[in-house]
Amino acid sequence: MAKFDAVVGRLFKRVFVCRKCKTKIRTDSIRVISKTVKCRNCGGKAFRVIKSKAKAGA
């Protein structure tokens, strides 16, 4: 199981998605909360956490 935990950590840990253009950015959550990080693509400062599990039944 350790290999799977490492893979999940690389894919989903510290990854945020821009709410405007849906671009993924890897940064610290403190920087996202304080809005010091900016999207590379659109310049927006609103981010959400990436969804780590697939939707059931989809």
C-alpha atoms as a PDB file:
ATOM      1  CA  MET A   1       0.000   0.000   0.000  1.00  0.00           C
ATOM      2  CA  ALA A   2       2.929   2.367   0.437  1.00  0.00           C
ATOM      3  CA  LYS A   3       3.361   2.743  -3.300  1.00  0.00           C
ATOM      4  CA  PHE A   4      -0.268   3.710  -3.729  1.00  0.00           C
ATOM      5  CA  ASP A   5      -0.047   6.279  -0.930  1.00  0.00           C
ATOM      6  CA  ALA A   6       2.979   7.837  -2.608  1.00  0.00           C
ATOM      7  CA  VAL A   7       1.154   8.038  -5.927  1.00  0.00           C
ATOM      8  CA  VAL A   8      -1.909   9.631  -4.355  1.00  0.00           C
ATOM      9  CA  GLY A   9       0.328  12.143  -2.600  1.00  0.00           C
ATOM     10  CA  ARG A  10       2.007  13.149  -5.839  1.00  0.00           C
ATOM     11  CA  LEU A  11      -1.261  13.504  -7.719  1.00  0.00           C
ATOM     12  CA  PHE A  12      -3.452  15.283  -5.183  1.00  0.00           C
ATOM     13  CA  LYS A  13      -1.361  16.770  -2.361  1.00  0.00           C
ATOM     14  CA  ARG A  14      -0.942  20.558  -2.534  1.00  0.00           C
ATOM     15  CA  VAL A  15      -2.716  20.749  -5.932  1.00  0.00           C
ATOM     16  CA  PHE A  16      -5.288  23.490  -6.479  1.00  0.00           C
ATOM     17  CA  VAL A  17      -7.473  24.340  -9.473  1.00  0.00           C
ATOM     18  CA  CYS A  18      -8.227  27.856 -10.714  1.00  0.00           C
ATOM     19  CA  ARG A  19     -11.943  28.605 -10.534  1.00  0.00           C
ATOM     20  CA  LYS A  20     -11.880  30.682 -13.724  1.00  0.00           C
ATOM     21  CA  CYS A  21      -9.802  28.709 -16.219  1.00  0.00           C
ATOM     22  CA  LYS A  22      -9.507  25.282 -14.478  1.00  0.00           C
ATOM     23  CA  THR A  23      -5.687  25.286 -14.556  1.00  0.00           C
ATOM     24  CA  LYS A  24      -3.897  23.113 -11.967  1.00  0.00           C
ATOM     25  CA  ILE A  25      -1.257  24.713  -9.740  1.00  0.00           C
ATOM     26  CA  ARG A  26       0.862  23.066  -7.031  1.00  0.00           C
ATOM     27  CA  THR A  27       1.386  25.362  -4.051  1.00  0.00           C
ATOM     28  CA  ASP A  28       0.906  25.575  -0.293  1.00  0.00           C
ATOM     29  CA  SER A  29      -2.587  25.986   1.143  1.00  0.00           C
ATOM     30  CA  ILE A  30      -1.487  28.953   3.258  1.00  0.00           C
ATOM     31  CA  ARG A  31      -0.576  30.868   0.108  1.00  0.00           C
ATOM     32  CA  VAL A  32      -3.952  30.057  -1.446  1.00  0.00           C
ATOM     33  CA  ILE A  33      -5.837  31.193   1.658  1.00  0.00           C
ATOM     34  CA  SER A  34      -3.899  34.455   1.876  1.00  0.00           C
ATOM     35  CA  LYS A  35      -4.346  34.960  -1.911  1.00  0.00           C
ATOM     36  CA  THR A  36      -0.641  35.538  -2.575  1.00  0.00           C
ATOM     37  CA  VAL A  37      -0.534  32.965  -5.377  1.00  0.00           C
ATOM     38  CA  LYS A  38      -1.800  33.940  -8.822  1.00  0.00           C
ATOM     39  CA  CYS A  39      -2.910  31.768 -11.745  1.00  0.00           C
ATOM     40  CA  ARG A  40      -0.318  31.545 -14.496  1.00  0.00           C
ATOM     41  CA  ASN A  41      -2.938  31.486 -17.222  1.00  0.00           C
ATOM     42  CA  CYS A  42      -5.624  34.027 -16.314  1.00  0.00           C
ATOM     43  CA  GLY A  43      -4.186  35.894 -13.317  1.00  0.00           C
ATOM     44  CA  GLY A  44      -7.055  34.928 -10.995  1.00  0.00           C
ATOM     45  CA  LYS A  45      -6.625  34.419  -7.279  1.00  0.00           C
ATOM     46  CA  ALA A  46      -9.586  32.105  -6.576  1.00  0.00           C
ATOM     47  CA  PHE A  47      -8.648  28.438  -6.240  1.00  0.00           C
ATOM     48  CA  ARG A  48     -10.287  25.228  -5.072  1.00  0.00           C
ATOM     49  CA  VAL A  49      -8.854  21.894  -3.944  1.00  0.00           C
ATOM     50  CA  ILE A  50      -8.581  19.256  -6.685  1.00  0.00           C
ATOM     51  CA  LYS A  51     -11.111  16.437  -6.346  1.00  0.00           C
ATOM     52  CA  SER A  52      -9.222  13.278  -5.443  1.00  0.00           C
ATOM     53  CA  LYS A  53     -11.922  10.656  -5.986  1.00  0.00           C
ATOM     54  CA  ALA A  54     -13.898   9.857  -9.100  1.00  0.00           C
ATOM     55  CA  LYS A  55     -17.648  10.282  -8.942  1.00  0.00           C
ATOM     56  CA  ALA A  56     -19.485   7.077  -8.157  1.00  0.00           C
ATOM     57  CA  GLY A  57     -21.493   5.753 -11.067  1.00  0.00           C
ATOM     58  CA  ALA A  58     -19.998   8.118 -13.622  1.00  0.00           C
END
